[in-house]
């Protein structure tokens, strides 16, 4: 609108990214910081000892070095979401797509994923459907919880589902070199969340 003050527009855009500039972000960030330390220590054990069970829990093969890949990157994403996008739509949606969508795709795909995608034999139709359903529900639930999605607007629900489909596609695409889906999926979700029809809290 021509009558909108430039300062107000700038503040509105900033608040969509970081609507809660309060010290709570630092408390929330403590958990991923502690996990980053624990994962680094577990992954750098030269003797392969896994007394605390971190490697066997977070890796698929049990190799301690594996946790320094995707699991460590996962915790860095959580740290960035806590510190820089605390209780914002990009953080809520990006983390939901990664934690719930990607996680469900792996679990459901392993159990029911007989039918594979034609361009990626490691990914299944069942896993992708689970991704869209789980990530969509989790994203909308977090937006509601953070007060970013008042009511049940049809355009917002459709936007969240479309966003989840896009992130599921990112997850199912073959890896592009060094880009891990623990980074590409939340990054895509966070970027697309800026297009959702929501209003930043006052």
N, C-alpha and C. Protein backbone atom coordinates (compact mmCIF):
# COMPACT_ATOMS: atom_id res chain seq x y z
N UNK A 1 0.84 -1.18 0.00
CA UNK A 1 0.00 0.00 0.00
C UNK A 1 0.88 1.24 0.00
N UNK A 2 0.42 2.30 -0.74
CA UNK A 2 1.23 3.49 -0.84
C UNK A 2 1.31 4.24 0.47
N UNK A 3 0.29 4.10 1.30
CA UNK A 3 0.28 4.85 2.55
C UNK A 3 1.00 4.17 3.69
N UNK A 4 1.58 3.00 3.45
CA UNK A 4 2.25 2.26 4.53
C UNK A 4 3.61 2.87 4.82
N UNK A 5 3.88 3.07 6.08
CA UNK A 5 5.17 3.64 6.47
C UNK A 5 6.28 2.64 6.22
N UNK A 6 7.40 3.09 5.60
CA UNK A 6 8.51 2.15 5.31
C UNK A 6 9.02 1.45 6.55
N UNK A 7 9.11 2.17 7.67
CA UNK A 7 9.63 1.55 8.90
C UNK A 7 8.75 0.42 9.38
N UNK A 8 7.43 0.59 9.24
CA UNK A 8 6.51 -0.46 9.67
C UNK A 8 6.65 -1.70 8.79
N UNK A 9 6.83 -1.49 7.47
CA UNK A 9 6.97 -2.62 6.56
C UNK A 9 8.24 -3.40 6.87
N UNK A 10 9.34 -2.68 7.16
CA UNK A 10 10.60 -3.35 7.49
C UNK A 10 10.45 -4.16 8.76
N UNK A 11 9.79 -3.58 9.78
CA UNK A 11 9.60 -4.29 11.04
C UNK A 11 8.75 -5.53 10.83
N UNK A 12 7.72 -5.43 9.96
CA UNK A 12 6.84 -6.57 9.72
C UNK A 12 7.62 -7.72 9.09
N UNK A 13 8.46 -7.42 8.10
CA UNK A 13 9.26 -8.46 7.46
C UNK A 13 10.24 -9.07 8.46
N UNK A 14 10.84 -8.23 9.29
CA UNK A 14 11.78 -8.75 10.28
C UNK A 14 11.06 -9.64 11.28
N UNK A 15 9.85 -9.25 11.70
CA UNK A 15 9.14 -10.02 12.71
C UNK A 15 8.65 -11.36 12.17
N UNK A 16 8.47 -11.47 10.86
CA UNK A 16 8.10 -12.78 10.31
C UNK A 16 9.23 -13.77 10.48
N UNK A 17 10.47 -13.27 10.46
CA UNK A 17 11.63 -14.13 10.66
C UNK A 17 11.92 -14.37 12.12
N UNK A 18 11.73 -13.36 12.94
CA UNK A 18 12.12 -13.44 14.35
C UNK A 18 11.13 -12.65 15.19
N UNK A 19 9.91 -13.19 15.40
CA UNK A 19 8.87 -12.42 16.05
C UNK A 19 8.99 -12.30 17.56
N UNK A 20 9.92 -13.04 18.18
CA UNK A 20 10.03 -13.04 19.63
C UNK A 20 11.47 -12.75 20.05
N UNK A 21 11.89 -11.47 20.00
CA UNK A 21 13.27 -11.14 20.41
C UNK A 21 13.41 -11.13 21.92
N UNK A 22 13.37 -12.31 22.55
CA UNK A 22 13.48 -12.39 24.00
C UNK A 22 14.54 -13.41 24.39
N UNK A 23 14.97 -13.36 25.65
CA UNK A 23 16.08 -14.24 26.10
C UNK A 23 15.74 -15.73 26.07
N UNK A 24 14.48 -16.10 25.86
CA UNK A 24 14.12 -17.50 25.84
C UNK A 24 14.86 -18.29 24.78
N UNK A 25 15.28 -17.60 23.72
CA UNK A 25 16.01 -18.28 22.65
C UNK A 25 17.31 -18.92 23.16
N UNK A 26 17.94 -18.24 24.13
CA UNK A 26 19.22 -18.74 24.64
C UNK A 26 19.03 -19.99 25.49
N UNK A 27 17.94 -20.03 26.23
CA UNK A 27 17.63 -21.24 27.00
C UNK A 27 17.30 -22.39 26.05
N UNK A 28 16.52 -22.08 25.02
CA UNK A 28 16.17 -23.12 24.05
C UNK A 28 17.40 -23.64 23.32
N UNK A 29 18.39 -22.77 23.11
CA UNK A 29 19.59 -23.16 22.38
C UNK A 29 20.53 -24.04 23.19
N UNK A 30 20.35 -24.09 24.52
CA UNK A 30 21.25 -24.88 25.35
C UNK A 30 21.21 -26.36 25.00
N UNK A 31 20.01 -26.87 24.68
CA UNK A 31 19.88 -28.30 24.39
C UNK A 31 20.65 -28.69 23.14
N UNK A 32 20.46 -28.00 22.00
CA UNK A 32 21.29 -28.38 20.85
C UNK A 32 22.78 -28.16 21.06
N UNK A 33 23.17 -27.15 21.85
CA UNK A 33 24.60 -26.93 22.13
C UNK A 33 25.17 -28.14 22.87
N UNK A 34 24.46 -28.60 23.89
CA UNK A 34 24.93 -29.77 24.65
C UNK A 34 24.99 -31.01 23.76
N UNK A 35 24.00 -31.15 22.88
CA UNK A 35 24.00 -32.31 21.98
C UNK A 35 25.14 -32.24 20.97
N UNK A 36 25.47 -31.04 20.51
CA UNK A 36 26.59 -30.88 19.59
C UNK A 36 27.88 -31.35 20.25
N UNK A 37 28.07 -30.97 21.52
CA UNK A 37 29.26 -31.39 22.25
C UNK A 37 29.28 -32.91 22.41
N UNK A 38 28.15 -33.49 22.81
CA UNK A 38 28.09 -34.94 23.03
C UNK A 38 28.33 -35.72 21.74
N UNK A 39 27.74 -35.25 20.64
CA UNK A 39 27.90 -35.96 19.36
C UNK A 39 29.34 -35.87 18.88
N UNK A 40 29.95 -34.69 19.03
CA UNK A 40 31.35 -34.54 18.63
C UNK A 40 32.25 -35.47 19.42
N UNK A 41 32.03 -35.56 20.72
CA UNK A 41 32.84 -36.45 21.55
C UNK A 41 32.64 -37.91 21.16
N UNK A 42 31.38 -38.28 20.90
CA UNK A 42 31.09 -39.67 20.55
C UNK A 42 31.68 -40.04 19.19
N UNK A 43 31.64 -39.10 18.24
CA UNK A 43 32.11 -39.40 16.90
C UNK A 43 33.61 -39.40 16.74
N UNK A 44 34.32 -38.83 17.70
CA UNK A 44 35.77 -38.73 17.59
C UNK A 44 36.51 -39.71 18.49
N UNK A 45 35.82 -40.71 19.00
CA UNK A 45 36.47 -41.72 19.82
C UNK A 45 37.26 -42.66 18.92
N UNK A 46 38.54 -42.69 19.14
CA UNK A 46 39.41 -43.50 18.26
C UNK A 46 39.25 -44.99 18.52
N UNK A 47 38.82 -45.36 19.72
CA UNK A 47 38.71 -46.78 20.03
C UNK A 47 37.37 -47.38 19.64
N UNK A 48 36.46 -46.51 19.12
CA UNK A 48 35.15 -47.00 18.71
C UNK A 48 34.23 -47.33 19.87
N UNK A 49 34.60 -46.94 21.08
CA UNK A 49 33.78 -47.23 22.25
C UNK A 49 32.45 -46.49 22.15
N UNK A 50 31.37 -47.19 22.50
CA UNK A 50 30.03 -46.59 22.45
C UNK A 50 29.31 -46.86 23.76
N UNK A 51 30.00 -46.59 24.87
CA UNK A 51 29.44 -46.90 26.18
C UNK A 51 28.15 -46.15 26.45
N UNK A 52 28.03 -44.92 25.94
CA UNK A 52 26.82 -44.13 26.19
C UNK A 52 25.72 -44.40 25.17
N UNK A 53 26.00 -45.22 24.16
CA UNK A 53 24.97 -45.61 23.19
C UNK A 53 24.63 -44.57 22.15
N UNK A 54 25.40 -43.47 22.08
CA UNK A 54 25.07 -42.41 21.13
C UNK A 54 25.22 -42.89 19.69
N UNK A 55 26.33 -43.55 19.39
CA UNK A 55 26.57 -44.00 18.01
C UNK A 55 25.53 -45.01 17.56
N UNK A 56 25.22 -45.97 18.41
CA UNK A 56 24.25 -47.00 18.02
C UNK A 56 22.85 -46.43 17.88
N UNK A 57 22.55 -45.36 18.62
CA UNK A 57 21.23 -44.75 18.56
C UNK A 57 21.07 -43.84 17.35
N UNK A 58 22.09 -43.05 17.05
CA UNK A 58 21.98 -42.03 16.01
C UNK A 58 22.47 -42.46 14.64
N UNK A 59 23.24 -43.53 14.58
CA UNK A 59 23.77 -43.96 13.28
C UNK A 59 23.04 -45.21 12.80
N UNK A 60 23.08 -45.45 11.50
CA UNK A 60 22.44 -46.63 10.94
C UNK A 60 23.33 -47.85 10.99
N UNK A 61 24.65 -47.61 11.01
CA UNK A 61 25.60 -48.73 10.96
C UNK A 61 26.24 -49.02 12.31
N UNK A 62 26.12 -48.08 13.27
CA UNK A 62 26.80 -48.23 14.55
C UNK A 62 28.19 -47.66 14.56
N UNK A 63 28.66 -47.16 13.41
CA UNK A 63 29.98 -46.55 13.32
C UNK A 63 29.94 -45.16 13.96
N UNK A 64 30.76 -44.91 15.00
CA UNK A 64 30.72 -43.60 15.66
C UNK A 64 30.97 -42.43 14.71
N UNK A 65 31.76 -42.64 13.67
CA UNK A 65 32.06 -41.55 12.74
C UNK A 65 30.83 -41.08 11.97
N UNK A 66 29.85 -41.96 11.86
CA UNK A 66 28.65 -41.61 11.10
C UNK A 66 27.85 -40.49 11.76
N UNK A 67 27.94 -40.38 13.09
CA UNK A 67 27.16 -39.35 13.78
C UNK A 67 27.70 -37.95 13.50
N UNK A 68 28.91 -37.86 12.95
CA UNK A 68 29.47 -36.55 12.63
C UNK A 68 28.92 -36.01 11.31
N UNK A 69 28.07 -36.79 10.64
CA UNK A 69 27.44 -36.35 9.41
C UNK A 69 26.07 -35.77 9.67
N UNK A 70 25.04 -36.51 9.21
CA UNK A 70 23.67 -36.03 9.33
C UNK A 70 23.21 -35.70 10.75
N UNK A 71 23.44 -36.58 11.73
CA UNK A 71 22.99 -36.27 13.10
C UNK A 71 23.59 -34.98 13.66
N UNK A 72 24.88 -34.74 13.38
CA UNK A 72 25.50 -33.50 13.87
C UNK A 72 24.93 -32.29 13.14
N UNK A 73 24.74 -32.41 11.83
CA UNK A 73 24.16 -31.31 11.07
C UNK A 73 22.75 -31.00 11.55
N UNK A 74 22.01 -32.04 11.89
CA UNK A 74 20.65 -31.90 12.42
C UNK A 74 20.65 -31.00 13.66
N UNK A 75 21.59 -31.22 14.57
CA UNK A 75 21.62 -30.41 15.79
C UNK A 75 22.06 -28.98 15.52
N UNK A 76 22.92 -28.78 14.50
CA UNK A 76 23.29 -27.41 14.12
C UNK A 76 22.07 -26.66 13.57
N UNK A 77 21.22 -27.36 12.83
CA UNK A 77 20.00 -26.73 12.32
C UNK A 77 19.09 -26.32 13.48
N UNK A 78 18.96 -27.19 14.48
CA UNK A 78 18.15 -26.85 15.65
C UNK A 78 18.72 -25.65 16.39
N UNK A 79 20.04 -25.57 16.47
CA UNK A 79 20.67 -24.43 17.14
C UNK A 79 20.39 -23.14 16.38
N UNK A 80 20.52 -23.16 15.06
CA UNK A 80 20.27 -21.97 14.26
C UNK A 80 18.81 -21.54 14.37
N UNK A 81 17.89 -22.51 14.36
CA UNK A 81 16.47 -22.19 14.48
C UNK A 81 16.16 -21.55 15.83
N UNK A 82 16.82 -22.03 16.88
CA UNK A 82 16.59 -21.48 18.23
C UNK A 82 17.15 -20.07 18.37
N UNK A 83 18.35 -19.86 17.87
CA UNK A 83 19.03 -18.59 18.08
C UNK A 83 18.53 -17.48 17.15
N UNK A 84 18.32 -17.80 15.90
CA UNK A 84 18.07 -16.75 14.92
C UNK A 84 16.64 -16.65 14.44
N UNK A 85 15.83 -17.70 14.63
CA UNK A 85 14.45 -17.67 14.14
C UNK A 85 13.49 -18.16 15.21
N UNK A 86 13.73 -17.76 16.45
CA UNK A 86 13.01 -18.29 17.61
C UNK A 86 11.50 -18.08 17.46
N UNK A 87 10.74 -19.18 17.54
CA UNK A 87 9.28 -19.17 17.49
C UNK A 87 8.73 -18.46 16.25
N UNK A 88 9.44 -18.56 15.15
CA UNK A 88 8.99 -17.95 13.90
C UNK A 88 8.46 -19.03 12.96
N UNK A 89 7.77 -18.59 11.91
CA UNK A 89 7.25 -19.54 10.93
C UNK A 89 8.36 -20.33 10.23
N UNK A 90 9.45 -19.68 9.78
CA UNK A 90 10.52 -20.46 9.16
C UNK A 90 11.09 -21.54 10.07
N UNK A 91 11.29 -21.21 11.36
CA UNK A 91 11.82 -22.20 12.29
C UNK A 91 10.83 -23.33 12.51
N UNK A 92 9.56 -22.98 12.77
CA UNK A 92 8.54 -23.99 13.04
C UNK A 92 8.39 -24.95 11.87
N UNK A 93 8.27 -24.39 10.68
CA UNK A 93 8.04 -25.22 9.50
C UNK A 93 9.30 -25.99 9.11
N UNK A 94 10.45 -25.31 9.12
CA UNK A 94 11.69 -25.98 8.74
C UNK A 94 12.02 -27.16 9.64
N UNK A 95 11.87 -26.96 10.95
CA UNK A 95 12.17 -28.04 11.89
C UNK A 95 11.14 -29.16 11.77
N UNK A 96 9.86 -28.81 11.58
CA UNK A 96 8.83 -29.84 11.44
C UNK A 96 9.07 -30.71 10.21
N UNK A 97 9.46 -30.06 9.10
CA UNK A 97 9.72 -30.82 7.88
C UNK A 97 10.89 -31.78 8.08
N UNK A 98 11.92 -31.31 8.78
CA UNK A 98 13.10 -32.13 9.00
C UNK A 98 12.84 -33.22 10.03
N UNK A 99 12.35 -32.83 11.20
CA UNK A 99 12.25 -33.77 12.32
C UNK A 99 11.12 -34.77 12.12
N UNK A 100 9.95 -34.29 11.74
CA UNK A 100 8.79 -35.17 11.61
C UNK A 100 8.71 -35.79 10.22
N UNK A 101 8.77 -34.93 9.19
CA UNK A 101 8.63 -35.44 7.84
C UNK A 101 9.74 -36.40 7.44
N UNK A 102 10.97 -35.96 7.58
CA UNK A 102 12.11 -36.81 7.20
C UNK A 102 12.18 -38.06 8.07
N UNK A 103 11.88 -37.89 9.36
CA UNK A 103 11.90 -39.04 10.27
C UNK A 103 10.85 -40.08 9.92
N UNK A 104 9.62 -39.63 9.64
CA UNK A 104 8.55 -40.56 9.29
C UNK A 104 8.82 -41.24 7.95
N UNK A 105 9.39 -40.48 7.01
CA UNK A 105 9.70 -41.06 5.71
C UNK A 105 10.64 -42.24 5.86
N UNK A 106 11.62 -42.10 6.74
CA UNK A 106 12.58 -43.18 6.96
C UNK A 106 11.91 -44.39 7.62
N UNK A 107 11.11 -44.13 8.66
CA UNK A 107 10.49 -45.23 9.42
C UNK A 107 9.47 -45.98 8.55
N UNK A 108 8.57 -45.22 7.93
CA UNK A 108 7.52 -45.85 7.12
C UNK A 108 8.11 -46.48 5.86
N UNK A 109 9.11 -45.81 5.27
CA UNK A 109 9.73 -46.35 4.07
C UNK A 109 10.41 -47.68 4.31
N UNK A 110 11.04 -47.83 5.47
CA UNK A 110 11.71 -49.10 5.78
C UNK A 110 10.70 -50.25 5.96
N UNK A 111 9.53 -49.91 6.49
CA UNK A 111 8.55 -50.96 6.80
C UNK A 111 7.60 -51.25 5.64
N UNK A 112 7.19 -50.19 4.94
CA UNK A 112 6.16 -50.38 3.91
C UNK A 112 6.61 -49.90 2.52
N UNK A 113 7.88 -49.63 2.38
CA UNK A 113 8.36 -49.01 1.15
C UNK A 113 8.80 -49.96 0.07
N UNK A 114 7.95 -50.89 -0.32
CA UNK A 114 8.31 -51.83 -1.37
C UNK A 114 8.37 -51.13 -2.73
N UNK A 115 7.45 -50.20 -2.95
CA UNK A 115 7.41 -49.47 -4.22
C UNK A 115 8.35 -48.26 -4.14
N UNK A 116 9.36 -48.26 -5.00
CA UNK A 116 10.38 -47.21 -4.97
C UNK A 116 10.14 -46.19 -6.08
N UNK A 117 10.68 -44.99 -5.83
CA UNK A 117 10.65 -43.96 -6.87
C UNK A 117 11.54 -44.38 -8.03
N UNK A 118 11.11 -44.06 -9.25
CA UNK A 118 11.85 -44.50 -10.43
C UNK A 118 13.21 -43.82 -10.56
N UNK A 119 13.39 -42.65 -9.92
CA UNK A 119 14.65 -41.93 -10.03
C UNK A 119 15.53 -42.05 -8.79
N UNK A 120 15.02 -42.75 -7.76
CA UNK A 120 15.81 -42.95 -6.55
C UNK A 120 15.35 -44.24 -5.87
N UNK A 121 16.11 -45.30 -6.07
CA UNK A 121 15.73 -46.61 -5.54
C UNK A 121 15.83 -46.70 -4.02
N UNK A 122 16.39 -45.67 -3.37
CA UNK A 122 16.48 -45.66 -1.91
C UNK A 122 15.26 -45.04 -1.25
N UNK A 123 14.38 -44.43 -2.03
CA UNK A 123 13.21 -43.73 -1.49
C UNK A 123 11.94 -44.37 -2.02
N UNK A 124 10.90 -44.37 -1.18
CA UNK A 124 9.66 -45.06 -1.54
C UNK A 124 8.47 -44.10 -1.58
N UNK A 125 7.42 -44.53 -2.28
CA UNK A 125 6.18 -43.76 -2.32
C UNK A 125 5.56 -43.67 -0.93
N UNK A 126 5.58 -44.78 -0.20
CA UNK A 126 5.00 -44.79 1.15
C UNK A 126 5.72 -43.82 2.07
N UNK A 127 7.05 -43.79 1.98
CA UNK A 127 7.81 -42.86 2.80
C UNK A 127 7.49 -41.42 2.47
N UNK A 128 7.32 -41.11 1.19
CA UNK A 128 7.01 -39.74 0.79
C UNK A 128 5.62 -39.33 1.25
N UNK A 129 4.65 -40.25 1.17
CA UNK A 129 3.31 -39.94 1.66
C UNK A 129 3.32 -39.69 3.17
N UNK A 130 4.08 -40.49 3.88
CA UNK A 130 4.20 -40.29 5.33
C UNK A 130 4.86 -38.95 5.63
N UNK A 131 5.84 -38.59 4.82
CA UNK A 131 6.51 -37.30 4.98
C UNK A 131 5.49 -36.17 4.87
N UNK A 132 4.71 -36.16 3.79
CA UNK A 132 3.76 -35.06 3.55
C UNK A 132 2.72 -34.98 4.67
N UNK A 133 2.16 -36.14 5.04
CA UNK A 133 1.14 -36.13 6.08
C UNK A 133 1.68 -35.70 7.44
N UNK A 134 2.80 -36.30 7.85
CA UNK A 134 3.36 -35.97 9.16
C UNK A 134 3.90 -34.57 9.23
N UNK A 135 4.66 -34.16 8.21
CA UNK A 135 5.24 -32.82 8.22
C UNK A 135 4.17 -31.75 8.11
N UNK A 136 3.12 -32.02 7.31
CA UNK A 136 2.04 -31.04 7.18
C UNK A 136 1.32 -30.83 8.50
N UNK A 137 0.97 -31.93 9.18
CA UNK A 137 0.29 -31.81 10.48
C UNK A 137 1.18 -31.13 11.52
N UNK A 138 2.45 -31.53 11.56
CA UNK A 138 3.37 -30.94 12.55
C UNK A 138 3.59 -29.46 12.28
N UNK A 139 3.74 -29.09 11.02
CA UNK A 139 3.96 -27.68 10.69
C UNK A 139 2.76 -26.83 11.09
N UNK A 140 1.57 -27.30 10.73
CA UNK A 140 0.37 -26.53 11.08
C UNK A 140 0.19 -26.48 12.59
N UNK A 141 0.48 -27.59 13.27
CA UNK A 141 0.35 -27.61 14.73
C UNK A 141 1.29 -26.63 15.41
N UNK A 142 2.54 -26.56 14.93
CA UNK A 142 3.49 -25.61 15.52
C UNK A 142 3.10 -24.17 15.21
N UNK A 143 2.61 -23.90 14.01
CA UNK A 143 2.16 -22.55 13.67
C UNK A 143 1.01 -22.13 14.58
N UNK A 144 0.09 -23.06 14.84
CA UNK A 144 -1.02 -22.76 15.76
C UNK A 144 -0.50 -22.53 17.17
N UNK A 145 0.42 -23.36 17.62
CA UNK A 145 0.95 -23.27 18.98
C UNK A 145 1.67 -21.95 19.19
N UNK A 146 2.40 -21.49 18.19
CA UNK A 146 3.13 -20.24 18.29
C UNK A 146 2.26 -19.02 18.03
N UNK A 147 0.98 -19.23 17.78
CA UNK A 147 0.08 -18.11 17.53
C UNK A 147 0.24 -17.47 16.17
N UNK A 148 0.78 -18.21 15.21
CA UNK A 148 1.02 -17.69 13.87
C UNK A 148 -0.06 -18.10 12.88
N UNK A 149 -0.98 -18.95 13.32
CA UNK A 149 -2.03 -19.44 12.42
C UNK A 149 -3.37 -19.43 13.14
N UNK A 150 -3.96 -18.25 13.35
CA UNK A 150 -5.27 -18.20 14.00
C UNK A 150 -6.34 -18.82 13.11
N UNK A 151 -7.22 -19.63 13.69
CA UNK A 151 -8.28 -20.25 12.92
C UNK A 151 -7.77 -21.38 12.05
N UNK A 152 -8.62 -21.81 11.13
CA UNK A 152 -8.28 -22.89 10.20
C UNK A 152 -8.53 -22.40 8.78
N UNK A 153 -7.68 -21.49 8.36
CA UNK A 153 -7.79 -20.88 7.05
C UNK A 153 -7.45 -21.89 5.96
N UNK A 154 -8.35 -22.02 4.97
CA UNK A 154 -8.15 -23.01 3.91
C UNK A 154 -6.90 -22.73 3.09
N UNK A 155 -6.61 -21.45 2.85
CA UNK A 155 -5.43 -21.11 2.06
C UNK A 155 -4.15 -21.46 2.80
N UNK A 156 -4.15 -21.31 4.12
CA UNK A 156 -2.97 -21.66 4.90
C UNK A 156 -2.78 -23.17 4.93
N UNK A 157 -3.87 -23.91 5.13
CA UNK A 157 -3.76 -25.37 5.15
C UNK A 157 -3.26 -25.89 3.80
N UNK A 158 -3.81 -25.33 2.72
CA UNK A 158 -3.35 -25.72 1.40
C UNK A 158 -1.90 -25.36 1.16
N UNK A 159 -1.50 -24.18 1.67
CA UNK A 159 -0.11 -23.76 1.54
C UNK A 159 0.85 -24.67 2.27
N UNK A 160 0.46 -25.09 3.48
CA UNK A 160 1.31 -25.98 4.27
C UNK A 160 1.45 -27.33 3.58
N UNK A 161 0.35 -27.85 3.03
CA UNK A 161 0.41 -29.13 2.33
C UNK A 161 1.27 -29.04 1.07
N UNK A 162 1.12 -27.94 0.32
CA UNK A 162 1.94 -27.76 -0.88
C UNK A 162 3.41 -27.65 -0.50
N UNK A 163 3.69 -26.92 0.57
CA UNK A 163 5.05 -26.78 1.06
C UNK A 163 5.62 -28.14 1.46
N UNK A 164 4.82 -28.95 2.13
CA UNK A 164 5.28 -30.27 2.56
C UNK A 164 5.55 -31.17 1.36
N UNK A 165 4.74 -31.04 0.31
CA UNK A 165 5.00 -31.81 -0.91
C UNK A 165 6.33 -31.40 -1.53
N UNK A 166 6.60 -30.09 -1.54
CA UNK A 166 7.86 -29.61 -2.10
C UNK A 166 9.05 -30.13 -1.29
N UNK A 167 8.92 -30.12 0.04
CA UNK A 167 10.01 -30.61 0.88
C UNK A 167 10.19 -32.12 0.74
N UNK A 168 9.08 -32.84 0.55
CA UNK A 168 9.18 -34.28 0.31
C UNK A 168 9.93 -34.56 -0.99
N UNK A 169 9.71 -33.71 -1.98
CA UNK A 169 10.45 -33.85 -3.24
C UNK A 169 11.93 -33.60 -3.03
N UNK A 170 12.26 -32.58 -2.23
CA UNK A 170 13.66 -32.31 -1.91
C UNK A 170 14.28 -33.51 -1.21
N UNK A 171 13.53 -34.13 -0.31
CA UNK A 171 14.04 -35.28 0.45
C UNK A 171 14.28 -36.49 -0.43
N UNK A 172 13.44 -36.65 -1.46
CA UNK A 172 13.52 -37.87 -2.27
C UNK A 172 14.50 -37.74 -3.42
N UNK A 173 14.90 -36.51 -3.76
CA UNK A 173 15.86 -36.32 -4.84
C UNK A 173 17.21 -36.95 -4.48
N UNK A 174 17.90 -37.49 -5.45
CA UNK A 174 19.24 -38.05 -5.16
C UNK A 174 20.15 -36.99 -4.57
N UNK A 175 21.04 -37.37 -3.64
CA UNK A 175 21.94 -36.39 -2.99
C UNK A 175 22.75 -35.61 -4.02
N UNK A 176 22.90 -34.31 -3.75
CA UNK A 176 23.69 -33.45 -4.63
C UNK A 176 25.02 -33.16 -3.97
N UNK A 177 25.98 -34.05 -4.18
CA UNK A 177 27.32 -33.83 -3.63
C UNK A 177 27.31 -33.80 -2.12
N UNK A 178 27.74 -32.66 -1.56
CA UNK A 178 27.90 -32.54 -0.12
C UNK A 178 26.62 -32.11 0.59
N UNK A 179 25.53 -31.87 -0.14
CA UNK A 179 24.31 -31.34 0.47
C UNK A 179 23.53 -32.48 1.11
N UNK A 180 23.43 -32.46 2.42
CA UNK A 180 22.71 -33.47 3.18
C UNK A 180 21.25 -33.05 3.31
N UNK A 181 20.33 -34.05 3.31
CA UNK A 181 18.91 -33.67 3.43
C UNK A 181 18.56 -33.12 4.81
N UNK A 182 19.44 -33.33 5.79
CA UNK A 182 19.23 -32.68 7.09
C UNK A 182 19.43 -31.17 7.00
N UNK A 183 20.01 -30.71 5.92
CA UNK A 183 20.16 -29.28 5.66
C UNK A 183 19.21 -28.81 4.57
N UNK A 184 19.12 -29.56 3.47
CA UNK A 184 18.31 -29.11 2.34
C UNK A 184 16.82 -29.10 2.67
N UNK A 185 16.33 -30.08 3.42
CA UNK A 185 14.90 -30.13 3.76
C UNK A 185 14.48 -28.97 4.66
N UNK A 186 15.15 -28.73 5.80
CA UNK A 186 14.72 -27.58 6.62
C UNK A 186 14.95 -26.25 5.94
N UNK A 187 16.00 -26.14 5.11
CA UNK A 187 16.24 -24.88 4.40
C UNK A 187 15.11 -24.60 3.42
N UNK A 188 14.67 -25.63 2.70
CA UNK A 188 13.55 -25.45 1.77
C UNK A 188 12.27 -25.11 2.53
N UNK A 189 12.02 -25.81 3.63
CA UNK A 189 10.82 -25.53 4.42
C UNK A 189 10.81 -24.13 4.99
N UNK A 190 11.95 -23.68 5.51
CA UNK A 190 12.04 -22.34 6.10
C UNK A 190 11.84 -21.27 5.03
N UNK A 191 12.45 -21.46 3.86
CA UNK A 191 12.31 -20.46 2.79
C UNK A 191 10.87 -20.39 2.29
N UNK A 192 10.25 -21.54 2.09
CA UNK A 192 8.87 -21.55 1.59
C UNK A 192 7.88 -21.07 2.64
N UNK A 193 8.23 -21.19 3.91
CA UNK A 193 7.33 -20.72 4.98
C UNK A 193 7.11 -19.21 4.90
N UNK A 194 8.07 -18.49 4.32
CA UNK A 194 7.91 -17.05 4.18
C UNK A 194 6.79 -16.68 3.22
N UNK A 195 6.38 -17.64 2.40
CA UNK A 195 5.30 -17.39 1.43
C UNK A 195 3.93 -17.74 1.99
N UNK A 196 3.88 -18.34 3.17
CA UNK A 196 2.59 -18.72 3.74
C UNK A 196 1.78 -17.49 4.15
N UNK A 197 0.45 -17.55 4.01
CA UNK A 197 -0.41 -16.41 4.38
C UNK A 197 -0.62 -16.31 5.87
N UNK A 198 0.42 -15.91 6.59
CA UNK A 198 0.31 -15.75 8.04
C UNK A 198 0.73 -14.35 8.42
N UNK A 199 0.38 -13.94 9.62
CA UNK A 199 0.75 -12.64 10.13
C UNK A 199 1.65 -12.81 11.33
N UNK A 200 2.69 -11.98 11.41
CA UNK A 200 3.58 -12.03 12.57
C UNK A 200 2.84 -11.52 13.79
N UNK A 201 3.12 -12.11 14.97
CA UNK A 201 2.48 -11.63 16.20
C UNK A 201 2.83 -10.19 16.47
N UNK A 202 1.94 -9.49 17.15
CA UNK A 202 2.24 -8.11 17.51
C UNK A 202 3.29 -8.05 18.60
